[in-house]
Amino acid sequence: MKAIQADDLSSIDSYRVVDLDMPEPGPGEVRVRIAACGVGYVDALVSLGRYQVKPPLPHVPGGEASGWIDRVGSGVTGLAPGDRVLAQVRGGFVEYAVAPVTAVSRIPDRMRLDQAAGFRVNYVTALHGLRDRAHIKPGETLLVIGAAGGVGLAAVQVGKLLGARVVAVASTPEKRALAIQNGAEIALDREPSGWRERLKAAMPGGIDVAFDPVSGPLLQPAFRSLSWGGRYLVIGFASGEIPALPVNLPLLKGAALVGVDYRQFAAVFEAAAAQRELDELLDWVAKGRLAPPTGRTFAFDRYREALSYALSGEGTAKTIFEVAST
């Protein structure tokens, strides 16, 4: 089978098309014929060895994939060849991948395979962050920074479904329009100069929850804009910086700075809870309550462009690497 692989993580140019043996599913595993793989900022960082967890070598990029079950291992029940699924795999830039049955979920008929490829991490992060960590309530105001990115758009949609009033922050008119289309009530630019005043004019009562996957220059003005008892969710560092926050601000605001880490939540500490939330989100899709948008799609031979684009932060929604026609 064809795969995209690198023997070192020095640059995106290290990746190339290689031929690998077809993987065979063991007990409790399934083999998936990959249709598409989601590519996010973290995937690109991992591919360059810049993430906090370094992958073993050789490395195949991507972890979120969608496709069709091709073969099941012994002991597998409830899944069969031909089922359309999303799966968490070790390397999704491949034609076939093996995954434990616990990391595989059938997808609703109304969900496209490209939508499924970028769904799990972003949407579970949004639901876990907003409901479990921020305890957001209907009628509260939610500020989403980086609202046109993959996890940002997920937070806009999930926040709306949880009954929040959503204020989106994005860099261009097109990105702000996309956030409005997906449930934001108001959209603001992210130019730091005068930003807090513009937010106050739009939301005089302040904000209750901030969802921030960027952690850039707006961290302090956004935290200062929290209402009493506000919660600031730190999702990631797409800005490339880790800014400082004066610790007197949480005291003065009666506010909380809260970390949201999908990887540890889903893979280390609360796997069962993460699976329940994924099931709930897929049920929302099945019922037509949630329609995840997709970003730019790259064909198999444009793998380097896909990684570069995901790393740039310029895209909207989740970048999709297409392995087979969906």
Protein backbone atom coordinates (compact mmCIF):
# COMPACT_ATOMS: atom_id res chain seq x y z
CA MET A 1 0.00 0.00 0.00
CA LYS A 2 1.01 3.64 -0.47
CA ALA A 3 1.85 5.82 2.51
CA ILE A 4 3.42 9.19 3.26
CA GLN A 5 6.37 8.77 5.59
CA ALA A 6 9.54 10.45 6.90
CA ASP A 7 12.62 8.95 8.52
CA ASP A 8 13.42 12.24 10.26
CA LEU A 9 11.41 15.27 11.33
CA SER A 10 13.76 17.98 10.12
CA SER A 11 11.36 19.45 7.56
CA ILE A 12 8.22 18.82 5.56
CA ASP A 13 10.49 18.00 2.62
CA SER A 14 11.56 14.87 4.52
CA TYR A 15 8.18 13.30 3.72
CA ARG A 16 7.80 11.13 0.63
CA VAL A 17 5.56 8.45 -0.86
CA VAL A 18 6.64 4.95 0.17
CA ASP A 19 5.35 1.39 -0.25
CA LEU A 20 4.51 -0.40 3.01
CA ASP A 21 3.18 -3.85 3.75
CA MET A 22 -0.57 -4.08 4.22
CA PRO A 23 -1.31 -4.13 7.98
CA GLU A 24 -3.29 -7.03 9.38
CA PRO A 25 -5.82 -6.53 12.19
CA GLY A 26 -5.18 -8.47 15.37
CA PRO A 27 -7.72 -9.49 18.02
CA GLY A 28 -10.03 -6.59 18.83
CA GLU A 29 -8.84 -4.58 15.84
CA VAL A 30 -10.21 -3.58 12.45
CA ARG A 31 -8.54 -2.55 9.23
CA VAL A 32 -9.86 0.63 7.62
CA ARG A 33 -9.53 1.59 3.98
CA ILE A 34 -8.82 5.26 4.41
CA ALA A 35 -10.91 7.81 2.55
CA ALA A 36 -9.59 10.97 4.20
CA CYS A 37 -7.48 12.21 7.07
CA GLY A 38 -7.95 15.42 9.00
CA VAL A 39 -4.90 17.67 9.25
CA GLY A 40 -4.74 20.23 12.03
CA TYR A 41 -2.11 22.56 13.42
CA VAL A 42 -1.06 19.96 16.00
CA ASP A 43 -0.69 17.29 13.31
CA ALA A 44 1.70 19.57 11.45
CA LEU A 45 3.66 20.32 14.63
CA VAL A 46 3.98 16.60 15.41
CA SER A 47 5.18 15.96 11.86
CA LEU A 48 8.05 18.39 12.48
CA GLY A 49 8.89 17.19 15.98
CA ARG A 50 7.74 20.49 17.50
CA TYR A 51 4.93 19.15 19.67
CA GLN A 52 5.28 18.27 23.36
CA VAL A 53 5.00 14.56 22.51
CA LYS A 54 7.52 13.35 19.91
CA PRO A 55 6.41 10.53 17.57
CA PRO A 56 8.51 7.41 16.96
CA LEU A 57 10.33 7.14 13.64
CA PRO A 58 9.64 6.54 10.85
CA HIS A 59 6.58 8.77 11.09
CA VAL A 60 3.35 8.79 9.09
CA PRO A 61 1.37 12.02 9.65
CA GLY A 62 -2.21 12.28 10.82
CA GLY A 63 -4.32 10.53 13.41
CA GLU A 64 -7.97 11.28 12.61
CA ALA A 65 -9.22 9.31 9.63
CA SER A 66 -12.42 8.20 7.99
CA GLY A 67 -13.18 5.41 5.57
CA TRP A 68 -14.65 1.95 5.22
CA ILE A 69 -13.95 -1.10 7.34
CA ASP A 70 -12.04 -3.55 5.18
CA ARG A 71 -11.38 -6.44 7.57
CA VAL A 72 -12.13 -7.23 11.22
CA GLY A 73 -9.96 -9.13 13.67
CA SER A 74 -11.09 -11.91 15.98
CA GLY A 75 -13.45 -10.95 18.76
CA VAL A 76 -14.79 -7.87 16.99
CA THR A 77 -18.56 -7.44 17.18
CA GLY A 78 -20.84 -4.62 16.11
CA LEU A 79 -18.68 -3.61 13.14
CA ALA A 80 -18.43 -5.25 9.74
CA PRO A 81 -16.65 -4.78 6.40
CA GLY A 82 -18.21 -1.96 4.42
CA ASP A 83 -19.25 0.10 7.44
CA ARG A 84 -18.47 3.81 7.10
CA VAL A 85 -16.44 4.88 10.12
CA LEU A 86 -14.23 7.48 11.70
CA ALA A 87 -11.16 6.14 13.47
CA GLN A 88 -8.22 7.24 15.54
CA VAL A 89 -5.19 5.64 13.87
CA ARG A 90 -1.42 5.79 14.19
CA GLY A 91 -0.73 7.54 10.92
CA GLY A 92 -3.58 8.49 8.61
CA PHE A 93 -1.65 9.44 5.45
CA VAL A 94 -1.96 5.84 4.26
CA GLU A 95 -4.26 3.74 2.11
CA TYR A 96 -5.03 1.27 4.93
CA ALA A 97 -4.67 1.52 8.70
CA VAL A 98 -5.40 -0.71 11.67
CA ALA A 99 -7.18 0.61 14.74
CA PRO A 100 -8.50 -0.90 17.96
CA VAL A 101 -12.24 -1.31 17.87
CA THR A 102 -12.47 1.10 20.83
CA ALA A 103 -11.11 3.87 18.57
CA VAL A 104 -13.61 3.31 15.76
CA SER A 105 -17.16 4.66 15.45
CA ARG A 106 -19.76 4.23 12.73
CA ILE A 107 -20.88 7.54 11.29
CA PRO A 108 -24.44 8.67 10.52
CA ASP A 109 -25.81 8.36 6.98
CA ARG A 110 -26.04 12.15 6.68
CA MET A 111 -22.35 12.61 7.53
CA ARG A 112 -19.86 12.76 4.66
CA LEU A 113 -16.53 11.01 4.99
CA ASP A 114 -14.60 14.27 4.65
CA GLN A 115 -16.62 15.70 7.55
CA ALA A 116 -15.89 12.61 9.64
CA ALA A 117 -12.15 12.85 9.03
CA GLY A 118 -11.81 16.07 11.01
CA PHE A 119 -14.55 15.59 13.57
CA ARG A 120 -13.44 13.72 16.68
CA VAL A 121 -10.71 15.89 18.22
CA ASN A 122 -12.21 19.32 17.48
CA TYR A 123 -15.77 18.58 18.50
CA VAL A 124 -14.99 16.53 21.61
CA THR A 125 -12.56 19.28 22.65
CA ALA A 126 -15.31 21.86 22.23
CA LEU A 127 -17.96 19.89 24.13
CA HIS A 128 -15.59 18.79 26.90
CA GLY A 129 -14.21 22.30 27.30
CA LEU A 130 -17.50 24.16 27.28
CA ARG A 131 -19.64 21.75 29.28
CA ASP A 132 -17.25 19.83 31.54
CA ARG A 133 -14.58 22.44 32.20
CA ALA A 134 -16.43 25.77 31.86
CA HIS A 135 -19.88 24.50 32.93
CA ILE A 136 -21.41 26.92 30.47
CA LYS A 137 -25.09 27.71 30.99
CA PRO A 138 -27.83 28.70 28.53
CA GLY A 139 -27.89 32.47 28.07
CA GLU A 140 -24.24 32.98 28.99
CA THR A 141 -21.91 34.79 26.59
CA LEU A 142 -19.13 32.79 24.95
CA LEU A 143 -16.13 34.42 23.27
CA VAL A 144 -14.34 32.22 20.73
CA ILE A 145 -10.90 33.39 19.58
CA GLY A 146 -9.73 31.88 16.29
CA ALA A 147 -13.35 31.16 15.53
CA ALA A 148 -12.88 30.13 11.90
CA GLY A 149 -10.31 27.41 12.61
CA GLY A 150 -11.23 23.78 13.10
CA VAL A 151 -11.65 23.75 16.88
CA GLY A 152 -12.88 27.37 16.89
CA LEU A 153 -15.76 26.62 14.53
CA ALA A 154 -16.57 23.53 16.59
CA ALA A 155 -16.78 25.74 19.69
CA VAL A 156 -19.04 28.22 17.89
CA GLN A 157 -21.43 25.45 16.84
CA VAL A 158 -21.37 23.53 20.12
CA GLY A 159 -21.66 26.72 22.17
CA LYS A 160 -24.74 27.70 20.21
CA LEU A 161 -26.27 24.25 20.74
CA LEU A 162 -25.62 24.56 24.48
CA GLY A 163 -27.58 27.81 24.53
CA ALA A 164 -24.79 30.38 24.68
CA ARG A 165 -24.63 33.72 22.90
CA VAL A 166 -21.50 33.42 20.79
CA VAL A 167 -19.05 36.22 19.98
CA ALA A 168 -16.52 35.15 17.35
CA VAL A 169 -13.04 36.59 16.83
CA ALA A 170 -11.37 36.02 13.45
CA SER A 171 -8.79 37.75 11.29
CA THR A 172 -10.60 38.41 7.99
CA PRO A 173 -14.10 39.42 6.87
CA GLU A 174 -14.48 36.02 5.18
CA LYS A 175 -13.59 34.14 8.35
CA ARG A 176 -15.92 36.30 10.42
CA ALA A 177 -18.74 35.65 7.95
CA LEU A 178 -18.12 31.91 8.25
CA ALA A 179 -18.39 32.11 12.04
CA ILE A 180 -21.69 33.99 11.73
CA GLN A 181 -22.99 31.33 9.31
CA ASN A 182 -22.21 28.68 11.92
CA GLY A 183 -23.99 30.27 14.84
CA ALA A 184 -22.05 33.28 16.11
CA GLU A 185 -24.20 36.29 16.97
CA ILE A 186 -21.40 38.86 16.64
CA ALA A 187 -17.98 38.69 14.96
CA LEU A 188 -14.99 40.88 15.80
CA ASP A 189 -11.56 41.36 14.28
CA ARG A 190 -8.44 40.40 16.23
CA GLU A 191 -6.40 43.61 15.90
CA PRO A 192 -5.13 44.22 19.47
CA SER A 193 -5.27 48.03 19.31
CA GLY A 194 -8.66 49.11 20.72
CA TRP A 195 -9.93 45.53 20.71
CA ARG A 196 -11.22 45.49 24.26
CA GLU A 197 -13.19 48.67 23.65
CA ARG A 198 -14.77 47.13 20.53
CA LEU A 199 -15.71 44.04 22.52
CA LYS A 200 -17.22 46.17 25.28
CA ALA A 201 -19.27 48.09 22.73
CA ALA A 202 -20.57 44.82 21.30
CA MET A 203 -21.10 43.11 24.68
CA PRO A 204 -21.45 45.77 27.41
CA GLY A 205 -22.13 43.14 30.05
CA GLY A 206 -18.84 41.36 29.43
CA ILE A 207 -18.33 37.70 28.64
CA ASP A 208 -18.79 34.62 30.79
CA VAL A 209 -16.58 32.11 29.00
CA ALA A 210 -13.62 32.52 26.64
CA PHE A 211 -12.50 29.64 24.40
CA ASP A 212 -8.96 30.30 23.19
CA PRO A 213 -6.95 27.96 20.95
CA VAL A 214 -4.64 30.83 19.92
CA SER A 215 -3.18 32.24 23.18
CA GLY A 216 -1.81 35.31 21.46
CA PRO A 217 -1.93 39.04 22.21
CA LEU A 218 -5.66 38.99 22.96
CA LEU A 219 -5.27 36.78 26.03
CA GLN A 220 -4.95 39.62 28.52
CA PRO A 221 -7.61 41.95 27.09
CA ALA A 222 -10.01 39.02 26.73
CA PHE A 223 -9.37 37.85 30.30
CA ARG A 224 -9.88 41.39 31.56
CA SER A 225 -13.25 41.37 29.75
CA LEU A 226 -14.57 38.41 31.72
CA SER A 227 -17.54 39.00 33.98
CA TRP A 228 -17.38 38.06 37.66
CA GLY A 229 -16.97 34.29 37.89
CA GLY A 230 -15.83 34.00 34.27
CA ARG A 231 -13.91 31.03 32.90
CA TYR A 232 -11.06 31.27 30.42
CA LEU A 233 -10.38 28.04 28.52
CA VAL A 234 -6.82 27.55 27.27
CA ILE A 235 -7.07 25.16 24.31
CA GLY A 236 -3.75 25.59 22.55
CA PHE A 237 -1.05 27.90 21.26
CA ALA A 238 -1.67 28.41 17.55
CA SER A 239 0.00 31.82 17.81
CA GLY A 240 3.29 30.06 18.45
CA GLU A 241 3.71 31.92 21.75
CA ILE A 242 2.89 31.15 25.36
CA PRO A 243 1.85 34.52 26.81
CA ALA A 244 1.91 35.44 30.50
CA LEU A 245 -1.10 36.43 32.59
CA PRO A 246 -0.77 38.50 35.79
CA VAL A 247 -2.10 36.24 38.53
CA ASN A 248 -3.93 39.09 40.23
CA LEU A 249 -6.45 39.12 37.37
CA PRO A 250 -8.15 35.83 38.31
CA LEU A 251 -8.38 37.17 41.88
CA LEU A 252 -9.88 40.50 40.90
CA LYS A 253 -12.36 38.88 38.51
CA GLY A 254 -13.22 35.88 40.69
CA ALA A 255 -12.36 34.09 37.45
CA ALA A 256 -10.69 30.84 36.49
CA LEU A 257 -7.99 30.02 33.95
CA VAL A 258 -8.79 26.46 32.85
CA GLY A 259 -6.76 24.08 30.70
CA VAL A 260 -8.46 21.81 28.17
CA ASP A 261 -6.31 18.96 26.83
CA TYR A 262 -8.09 16.52 24.53
CA ARG A 263 -5.13 14.13 24.38
CA GLN A 264 -4.98 13.49 28.11
CA PHE A 265 -8.76 13.59 28.53
CA ALA A 266 -9.39 11.00 25.83
CA ALA A 267 -6.30 8.81 25.94
CA VAL A 268 -5.09 8.91 29.52
CA PHE A 269 -7.62 9.88 32.17
CA GLU A 270 -11.24 9.76 30.93
CA ALA A 271 -11.46 7.61 27.81
CA ALA A 272 -14.99 6.39 28.58
CA ALA A 273 -16.26 9.95 29.06
CA ALA A 274 -14.62 11.05 25.80
CA GLN A 275 -16.33 8.19 23.95
CA ARG A 276 -19.72 9.12 25.42
CA GLU A 277 -19.26 12.68 24.26
CA LEU A 278 -18.26 11.56 20.76
CA ASP A 279 -21.37 9.36 20.63
CA GLU A 280 -23.51 12.30 21.73
CA LEU A 281 -22.02 14.56 19.07
CA LEU A 282 -22.55 11.94 16.34
CA ASP A 283 -26.16 11.66 17.49
CA TRP A 284 -26.52 15.43 17.03
CA VAL A 285 -25.23 14.98 13.48
CA ALA A 286 -27.65 12.10 12.85
CA LYS A 287 -30.56 14.26 14.02
CA GLY A 288 -29.53 17.20 11.85
CA ARG A 289 -28.67 19.45 14.79
CA LEU A 290 -25.00 19.67 13.85
CA ALA A 291 -23.40 19.93 10.39
CA PRO A 292 -19.60 20.21 10.64
CA PRO A 293 -18.01 22.35 7.92
CA THR A 294 -14.81 21.24 6.22
CA GLY A 295 -11.83 23.22 5.08
CA ARG A 296 -9.56 22.98 2.08
CA THR A 297 -8.98 19.51 0.62
CA PHE A 298 -5.63 18.28 -0.69
CA ALA A 299 -5.15 15.31 -3.00
CA PHE A 300 -2.80 12.44 -2.08
CA ASP A 301 0.15 13.75 -4.10
CA ARG A 302 -0.08 17.17 -2.40
CA TYR A 303 0.80 15.93 1.07
CA ARG A 304 3.53 18.51 1.66
CA GLU A 305 1.14 21.33 0.77
CA ALA A 306 -1.43 19.90 3.17
CA LEU A 307 1.03 19.91 6.07
CA SER A 308 2.33 23.38 5.23
CA TYR A 309 -1.18 24.78 4.95
CA ALA A 310 -2.25 23.28 8.29
CA LEU A 311 0.85 24.75 9.92
CA SER A 312 0.22 28.22 8.48
CA GLY A 313 -3.00 28.88 10.40
CA GLU A 314 -4.48 30.48 7.30
CA GLY A 315 -7.21 27.92 6.71
CA THR A 316 -10.76 27.60 7.92
CA ALA A 317 -12.36 24.56 9.56
CA LYS A 318 -10.30 21.35 9.38
CA THR A 319 -7.91 20.77 6.48
CA ILE A 320 -8.60 17.46 4.73
CA PHE A 321 -6.05 15.13 3.14
CA GLU A 322 -7.90 12.97 0.62
CA VAL A 323 -6.61 9.43 0.24
CA ALA A 324 -9.42 7.88 -1.79
CA SER A 325 -12.48 9.28 -3.52
CA THR A 326 -15.38 9.66 -1.11
